[in-house]
C-alpha atoms as a PDB file:
ATOM      1  CA  MET A   1       9.461  14.553 -64.678  1.00  0.00           C
ATOM      2  CA  ALA A   2       8.044  17.122 -62.375  1.00  0.00           C
ATOM      3  CA  GLU A   3       5.480  15.987 -59.773  1.00  0.00           C
ATOM      4  CA  VAL A   4       1.954  17.572 -60.518  1.00  0.00           C
ATOM      5  CA  ILE A   5      -0.585  18.045 -57.801  1.00  0.00           C
ATOM      6  CA  ALA A   6      -3.901  19.692 -58.484  1.00  0.00           C
ATOM      7  CA  GLY A   7      -2.575  20.738 -61.797  1.00  0.00           C
ATOM      8  CA  ILE A   8       0.332  22.559 -60.234  1.00  0.00           C
ATOM      9  CA  ALA A   9       3.882  21.337 -61.205  1.00  0.00           C
ATOM     10  CA  ILE A  10       6.316  21.155 -58.223  1.00  0.00           C
ATOM     11  CA  PRO A  11       9.539  22.910 -59.358  1.00  0.00           C
ATOM     12  CA  ASP A  12      12.255  20.235 -59.806  1.00  0.00           C
ATOM     13  CA  SER A  13      15.392  22.207 -60.696  1.00  0.00           C
ATOM     14  CA  LYS A  14      18.499  21.421 -58.682  1.00  0.00           C
ATOM     15  CA  MET A  15      17.833  24.479 -56.498  1.00  0.00           C
ATOM     16  CA  ALA A  16      14.263  23.441 -55.834  1.00  0.00           C
ATOM     17  CA  GLN A  17      15.272  19.901 -54.951  1.00  0.00           C
ATOM     18  CA  ASP A  18      17.962  21.166 -52.638  1.00  0.00           C
ATOM     19  CA  ALA A  19      15.459  23.427 -50.959  1.00  0.00           C
ATOM     20  CA  THR A  20      13.092  20.383 -50.427  1.00  0.00           C
ATOM     21  CA  ASP A  21      15.932  18.413 -48.993  1.00  0.00           C
ATOM     22  CA  LEU A  22      16.965  21.151 -46.646  1.00  0.00           C
ATOM     23  CA  VAL A  23      13.428  21.572 -45.272  1.00  0.00           C
ATOM     24  CA  ARG A  24      13.223  17.672 -44.949  1.00  0.00           C
ATOM     25  CA  ASP A  25      16.405  17.799 -42.996  1.00  0.00           C
ATOM     26  CA  VAL A  26      15.650  20.488 -40.419  1.00  0.00           C
ATOM     27  CA  ALA A  27      11.829  20.610 -40.123  1.00  0.00           C
ATOM     28  CA  ASP A  28       9.238  17.977 -39.114  1.00  0.00           C
ATOM     29  CA  ASP A  29       6.483  16.575 -41.231  1.00  0.00           C
ATOM     30  CA  LEU A  30       4.111  19.326 -39.944  1.00  0.00           C
ATOM     31  CA  VAL A  31       6.119  22.215 -41.380  1.00  0.00           C
ATOM     32  CA  PHE A  32       7.158  20.221 -44.515  1.00  0.00           C
ATOM     33  CA  HIS A  33       3.595  19.389 -45.503  1.00  0.00           C
ATOM     34  CA  HIS A  34       2.256  22.829 -44.494  1.00  0.00           C
ATOM     35  CA  SER A  35       5.046  24.547 -46.615  1.00  0.00           C
ATOM     36  CA  ARG A  36       4.218  22.423 -49.596  1.00  0.00           C
ATOM     37  CA  ARG A  37       0.408  23.231 -49.237  1.00  0.00           C
ATOM     38  CA  VAL A  38       1.403  26.829 -49.072  1.00  0.00           C
ATOM     39  CA  PHE A  39       3.150  26.559 -52.400  1.00  0.00           C
ATOM     40  CA  LEU A  40       0.285  24.694 -53.982  1.00  0.00           C
ATOM     41  CA  PHE A  41      -2.511  26.839 -52.575  1.00  0.00           C
ATOM     42  CA  GLY A  42      -0.581  29.974 -53.453  1.00  0.00           C
ATOM     43  CA  SER A  43      -0.054  28.728 -56.885  1.00  0.00           C
ATOM     44  CA  LEU A  44      -3.715  27.836 -57.341  1.00  0.00           C
ATOM     45  CA  ARG A  45      -4.712  31.359 -56.274  1.00  0.00           C
ATOM     46  CA  GLY A  46      -2.222  32.850 -58.742  1.00  0.00           C
ATOM     47  CA  GLN A  47      -3.716  30.581 -61.412  1.00  0.00           C
ATOM     48  CA  GLU A  48      -7.200  31.666 -60.479  1.00  0.00           C
ATOM     49  CA  GLN A  49      -6.291  35.417 -60.505  1.00  0.00           C
ATOM     50  CA  GLY A  50      -4.360  35.003 -63.856  1.00  0.00           C
ATOM     51  CA  LEU A  51      -1.177  36.235 -62.375  1.00  0.00           C
ATOM     52  CA  GLU A  52       2.341  35.805 -63.863  1.00  0.00           C
ATOM     53  CA  TYR A  53       5.041  34.753 -61.446  1.00  0.00           C
ATOM     54  CA  ASP A  54       8.153  32.782 -61.007  1.00  0.00           C
ATOM     55  CA  PRO A  55       7.108  29.404 -59.620  1.00  0.00           C
ATOM     56  CA  GLU A  56      10.637  28.681 -58.312  1.00  0.00           C
ATOM     57  CA  LEU A  57      10.793  31.866 -56.205  1.00  0.00           C
ATOM     58  CA  VAL A  58       7.287  31.137 -54.891  1.00  0.00           C
ATOM     59  CA  TYR A  59       8.530  27.638 -54.117  1.00  0.00           C
ATOM     60  CA  ILE A  60      11.499  28.832 -52.015  1.00  0.00           C
ATOM     61  CA  GLY A  61       9.348  31.384 -50.309  1.00  0.00           C
ATOM     62  CA  ALA A  62       6.797  28.809 -49.334  1.00  0.00           C
ATOM     63  CA  MET A  63       9.191  26.072 -48.437  1.00  0.00           C
ATOM     64  CA  PHE A  64      11.388  28.334 -46.230  1.00  0.00           C
ATOM     65  CA  HIS A  65       8.739  30.631 -44.794  1.00  0.00           C
ATOM     66  CA  ASP A  66       8.541  28.757 -41.247  1.00  0.00           C
ATOM     67  CA  LEU A  67      12.273  27.665 -40.915  1.00  0.00           C
ATOM     68  CA  GLY A  68      12.589  30.391 -38.176  1.00  0.00           C
ATOM     69  CA  LEU A  69      10.464  28.002 -36.016  1.00  0.00           C
ATOM     70  CA  THR A  70      12.981  25.185 -36.408  1.00  0.00           C
ATOM     71  CA  ASP A  71      15.761  24.475 -33.850  1.00  0.00           C
ATOM     72  CA  LYS A  72      18.496  24.817 -36.434  1.00  0.00           C
ATOM     73  CA  TYR A  73      17.352  28.366 -37.528  1.00  0.00           C
ATOM     74  CA  ARG A  74      15.559  29.872 -34.621  1.00  0.00           C
ATOM     75  CA  THR A  75      17.154  32.866 -32.980  1.00  0.00           C
ATOM     76  CA  THR A  76      15.894  34.744 -29.840  1.00  0.00           C
ATOM     77  CA  ASP A  77      16.468  38.431 -31.026  1.00  0.00           C
ATOM     78  CA  GLN A  78      14.322  38.959 -33.994  1.00  0.00           C
ATOM     79  CA  ARG A  79      10.935  37.812 -35.516  1.00  0.00           C
ATOM     80  CA  PHE A  80      10.869  34.281 -36.807  1.00  0.00           C
ATOM     81  CA  GLU A  81       9.786  35.491 -40.157  1.00  0.00           C
ATOM     82  CA  ILE A  82      13.085  37.363 -40.494  1.00  0.00           C
ATOM     83  CA  ASP A  83      15.126  34.317 -39.429  1.00  0.00           C
ATOM     84  CA  ALA A  84      13.517  32.357 -42.233  1.00  0.00           C
ATOM     85  CA  ALA A  85      13.810  35.241 -44.718  1.00  0.00           C
ATOM     86  CA  ASP A  86      17.477  35.466 -43.953  1.00  0.00           C
ATOM     87  CA  VAL A  87      18.038  31.700 -44.531  1.00  0.00           C
ATOM     88  CA  ALA A  88      16.280  31.931 -47.869  1.00  0.00           C
ATOM     89  CA  ARG A  89      18.368  34.875 -49.010  1.00  0.00           C
ATOM     90  CA  SER A  90      21.531  33.061 -48.051  1.00  0.00           C
ATOM     91  CA  PHE A  91      20.370  29.906 -49.836  1.00  0.00           C
ATOM     92  CA  LEU A  92      19.460  31.787 -52.946  1.00  0.00           C
ATOM     93  CA  SER A  93      22.801  33.527 -53.110  1.00  0.00           C
ATOM     94  CA  GLU A  94      24.429  30.152 -53.450  1.00  0.00           C
ATOM     95  CA  TYR A  95      22.639  29.688 -56.656  1.00  0.00           C
ATOM     96  CA  GLY A  96      23.461  33.088 -58.009  1.00  0.00           C
ATOM     97  CA  ILE A  97      20.019  34.541 -57.216  1.00  0.00           C
ATOM     98  CA  THR A  98      20.449  38.015 -55.646  1.00  0.00           C
ATOM     99  CA  GLY A  99      19.084  41.481 -56.193  1.00  0.00           C
ATOM    100  CA  PRO A 100      15.378  41.977 -56.979  1.00  0.00           C
ATOM    101  CA  ALA A 101      14.694  38.239 -57.267  1.00  0.00           C
ATOM    102  CA  GLY A 102      16.240  37.539 -53.843  1.00  0.00           C
ATOM    103  CA  ASP A 103      14.388  40.584 -52.510  1.00  0.00           C
ATOM    104  CA  LYS A 104      11.045  39.127 -53.578  1.00  0.00           C
ATOM    105  CA  VAL A 105      11.586  35.957 -51.693  1.00  0.00           C
ATOM    106  CA  TRP A 106      12.962  37.787 -48.576  1.00  0.00           C
ATOM    107  CA  ASN A 107       9.813  40.060 -48.575  1.00  0.00           C
ATOM    108  CA  ALA A 108       7.577  37.164 -49.214  1.00  0.00           C
ATOM    109  CA  ILE A 109       8.770  35.293 -46.093  1.00  0.00           C
ATOM    110  CA  ALA A 110       9.340  38.333 -43.845  1.00  0.00           C
ATOM    111  CA  LEU A 111       5.755  39.755 -44.658  1.00  0.00           C
ATOM    112  CA  HIS A 112       3.795  36.467 -44.670  1.00  0.00           C
ATOM    113  CA  THR A 113       2.237  37.217 -41.300  1.00  0.00           C
ATOM    114  CA  THR A 114       1.407  40.907 -42.102  1.00  0.00           C
ATOM    115  CA  PRO A 115      -2.096  41.295 -43.347  1.00  0.00           C
ATOM    116  CA  GLU A 116      -2.843  43.154 -46.681  1.00  0.00           C
ATOM    117  CA  ILE A 117       0.527  44.684 -47.444  1.00  0.00           C
ATOM    118  CA  PRO A 118       2.050  41.648 -49.263  1.00  0.00           C
ATOM    119  CA  LEU A 119      -1.062  41.396 -51.518  1.00  0.00           C
ATOM    120  CA  HIS A 120      -0.064  44.736 -53.026  1.00  0.00           C
ATOM    121  CA  MET A 121       3.480  43.783 -53.826  1.00  0.00           C
ATOM    122  CA  ASP A 122       5.144  41.431 -56.450  1.00  0.00           C
ATOM    123  CA  PRO A 123       3.005  38.427 -57.300  1.00  0.00           C
ATOM    124  CA  GLU A 124       5.725  36.123 -55.633  1.00  0.00           C
ATOM    125  CA  VAL A 125       5.260  38.002 -52.516  1.00  0.00           C
ATOM    126  CA  ALA A 126       1.403  37.938 -52.565  1.00  0.00           C
ATOM    127  CA  LEU A 127       1.129  34.366 -53.414  1.00  0.00           C
ATOM    128  CA  VAL A 128       3.079  33.153 -50.417  1.00  0.00           C
ATOM    129  CA  THR A 129       0.797  35.076 -48.260  1.00  0.00           C
ATOM    130  CA  ARG A 130      -2.144  33.757 -50.227  1.00  0.00           C
ATOM    131  CA  GLY A 131      -1.055  30.180 -49.567  1.00  0.00           C
ATOM    132  CA  VAL A 132      -0.411  30.782 -45.893  1.00  0.00           C
ATOM    133  CA  GLU A 133      -3.735  32.522 -45.393  1.00  0.00           C
ATOM    134  CA  LEU A 134      -5.656  29.676 -47.066  1.00  0.00           C
ATOM    135  CA  ASP A 135      -3.814  26.889 -45.240  1.00  0.00           C
ATOM    136  CA  VAL A 136      -3.815  28.476 -41.756  1.00  0.00           C
ATOM    137  CA  LEU A 137      -6.696  30.896 -41.694  1.00  0.00           C
ATOM    138  CA  GLY A 138      -9.060  29.524 -44.353  1.00  0.00           C
ATOM    139  CA  ILE A 139      -9.041  32.768 -46.290  1.00  0.00           C
ATOM    140  CA  GLY A 140      -9.735  31.946 -49.907  1.00  0.00           C
ATOM    141  CA  TYR A 141     -11.069  28.535 -49.069  1.00  0.00           C
ATOM    142  CA  ASP A 142     -13.789  28.720 -51.704  1.00  0.00           C
ATOM    143  CA  ALA A 143     -11.543  30.477 -54.355  1.00  0.00           C
ATOM    144  CA  ILE A 144     -10.292  26.971 -55.326  1.00  0.00           C
ATOM    145  CA  SER A 145     -12.397  23.939 -56.055  1.00  0.00           C
ATOM    146  CA  ASP A 146     -13.271  21.032 -53.694  1.00  0.00           C
ATOM    147  CA  ASP A 147     -11.370  18.639 -56.006  1.00  0.00           C
ATOM    148  CA  GLN A 148      -8.209  20.953 -55.933  1.00  0.00           C
ATOM    149  CA  ARG A 149      -8.288  21.155 -52.157  1.00  0.00           C
ATOM    150  CA  SER A 150      -8.805  17.431 -51.754  1.00  0.00           C
ATOM    151  CA  GLU A 151      -5.969  16.529 -54.103  1.00  0.00           C
ATOM    152  CA  VAL A 152      -3.515  18.897 -52.278  1.00  0.00           C
ATOM    153  CA  VAL A 153      -4.472  17.449 -48.835  1.00  0.00           C
ATOM    154  CA  ALA A 154      -4.302  13.966 -50.128  1.00  0.00           C
ATOM    155  CA  ALA A 155      -0.675  14.593 -51.139  1.00  0.00           C
ATOM    156  CA  HIS A 156       0.163  16.703 -48.114  1.00  0.00           C
ATOM    157  CA  PRO A 157      -2.111  15.664 -45.217  1.00  0.00           C
ATOM    158  CA  ARG A 158      -2.970  17.986 -42.333  1.00  0.00           C
ATOM    159  CA  PRO A 159      -4.027  15.696 -39.336  1.00  0.00           C
ATOM    160  CA  ASP A 160      -4.919  17.791 -36.370  1.00  0.00           C
ATOM    161  CA  PHE A 161      -3.237  20.715 -38.175  1.00  0.00           C
ATOM    162  CA  LYS A 162      -4.849  23.595 -36.285  1.00  0.00           C
ATOM    163  CA  ASN A 163      -3.748  22.367 -32.934  1.00  0.00           C
ATOM    164  CA  ARG A 164      -0.259  21.278 -34.167  1.00  0.00           C
ATOM    165  CA  ILE A 165       0.547  24.515 -35.881  1.00  0.00           C
ATOM    166  CA  LEU A 166      -0.375  26.613 -32.873  1.00  0.00           C
ATOM    167  CA  ALA A 167       1.843  24.432 -30.721  1.00  0.00           C
ATOM    168  CA  ALA A 168       4.677  24.928 -33.264  1.00  0.00           C
ATOM    169  CA  PHE A 169       4.222  28.732 -33.224  1.00  0.00           C
ATOM    170  CA  THR A 170       4.147  28.797 -29.393  1.00  0.00           C
ATOM    171  CA  ASN A 171       7.325  26.541 -29.266  1.00  0.00           C
ATOM    172  CA  GLY A 172       9.088  28.755 -31.783  1.00  0.00           C
ATOM    173  CA  LEU A 173       8.215  32.082 -29.991  1.00  0.00           C
ATOM    174  CA  LYS A 174       8.232  31.271 -26.338  1.00  0.00           C
ATOM    175  CA  ASP A 175      11.907  32.345 -26.038  1.00  0.00           C
ATOM    176  CA  ARG A 176      11.497  35.685 -27.782  1.00  0.00           C
ATOM    177  CA  PRO A 177       7.925  36.836 -26.838  1.00  0.00           C
ATOM    178  CA  GLU A 178       8.922  40.636 -27.334  1.00  0.00           C
ATOM    179  CA  THR A 179       9.199  40.008 -30.969  1.00  0.00           C
ATOM    180  CA  THR A 180       5.567  39.468 -31.290  1.00  0.00           C
ATOM    181  CA  PHE A 181       4.769  43.127 -30.445  1.00  0.00           C
ATOM    182  CA  GLY A 182       2.416  44.491 -33.042  1.00  0.00           C
ATOM    183  CA  ASN A 183       1.991  41.267 -34.998  1.00  0.00           C
ATOM    184  CA  VAL A 184      -0.570  38.452 -34.986  1.00  0.00           C
ATOM    185  CA  LYS A 185       1.575  35.962 -33.100  1.00  0.00           C
ATOM    186  CA  ALA A 186       1.034  37.982 -29.942  1.00  0.00           C
ATOM    187  CA  ASP A 187      -2.516  36.319 -30.118  1.00  0.00           C
ATOM    188  CA  VAL A 188      -0.786  32.869 -30.075  1.00  0.00           C
ATOM    189  CA  LEU A 189       1.327  33.586 -26.945  1.00  0.00           C
ATOM    190  CA  GLU A 190      -1.596  35.174 -25.142  1.00  0.00           C
ATOM    191  CA  HIS A 191      -3.476  31.892 -25.457  1.00  0.00           C
ATOM    192  CA  PHE A 192      -0.695  29.397 -24.852  1.00  0.00           C
ATOM    193  CA  LEU A 193       2.284  30.976 -23.046  1.00  0.00           C
ATOM    194  CA  PRO A 194       1.681  31.316 -19.254  1.00  0.00           C
ATOM    195  CA  GLY A 195       2.597  34.741 -17.888  1.00  0.00           C
ATOM    196  CA  PHE A 196       2.863  36.371 -21.330  1.00  0.00           C
ATOM    197  CA  GLN A 197       1.813  40.027 -21.320  1.00  0.00           C
ATOM    198  CA  ARG A 198       0.958  41.559 -24.653  1.00  0.00           C
ATOM    199  CA  GLY A 199       2.780  44.823 -25.548  1.00  0.00           C
ATOM    200  CA  ASP A 200       0.531  47.859 -25.568  1.00  0.00           C
ATOM    201  CA  PHE A 201       1.300  50.390 -28.235  1.00  0.00           C
ATOM    202  CA  VAL A 202      -0.674  53.096 -26.445  1.00  0.00           C
ATOM    203  CA  GLU A 203       1.322  52.633 -23.281  1.00  0.00           C
ATOM    204  CA  VAL A 204       4.651  52.645 -25.325  1.00  0.00           C
ATOM    205  CA  ILE A 205       3.728  56.058 -26.578  1.00  0.00           C
ATOM    206  CA  ARG A 206       2.636  57.325 -23.172  1.00  0.00           C
ATOM    207  CA  ASN A 207       5.658  56.034 -21.285  1.00  0.00           C
ATOM    208  CA  ASN A 208       8.545  56.732 -23.691  1.00  0.00           C
ATOM    209  CA  SER A 209      11.369  59.120 -22.845  1.00  0.00           C
ATOM    210  CA  TRP A 210       9.688  62.231 -24.645  1.00  0.00           C
ATOM    211  CA  SER A 211       8.259  64.726 -22.139  1.00  0.00           C
ATOM    212  CA  GLU A 212       5.326  65.416 -24.268  1.00  0.00           C
END
């Protein structure tokens, strides 16, 4: 029988169980509990908005969205979101999920730190972002009830979450600071990585190879 938290059933297919096991194997409790909350909060927002969506695709998107911060899947030459999105696409292909369905999950993960755009895409894409925004930024905090919030956090606690997730971001990005150009993670490195210099879009334009 599927586990139900705050009225949301956790997908329990073989694929979903394997995804859970994978995250448990490569990520710490911080990322695991955060990822489950992202699924639950995203699903509650979808329920509140009356959206129709594939809960398994949202689950894979939520569970995999921060795998690019882990030692196993972290690279140094692209954004951590793309690392995670690529892992999800490869994982889904092993279960025969390719094409548009796979693209939804890839987009959901790759765009989860890009404000606004995901909210105008497929529900599966939007709901991963909704879950991330609620858990990390508090956006939509009052869109779900106190009881729902409490039940989710009771199942997946968030002790000292704000400081710990910022530390996880810093650790996952410190070896590729240039990949934060133009995205919100530059704010993290500006606070926590000594010597980091934020890229300047205006200076890139002024100093590129074109004469005018």
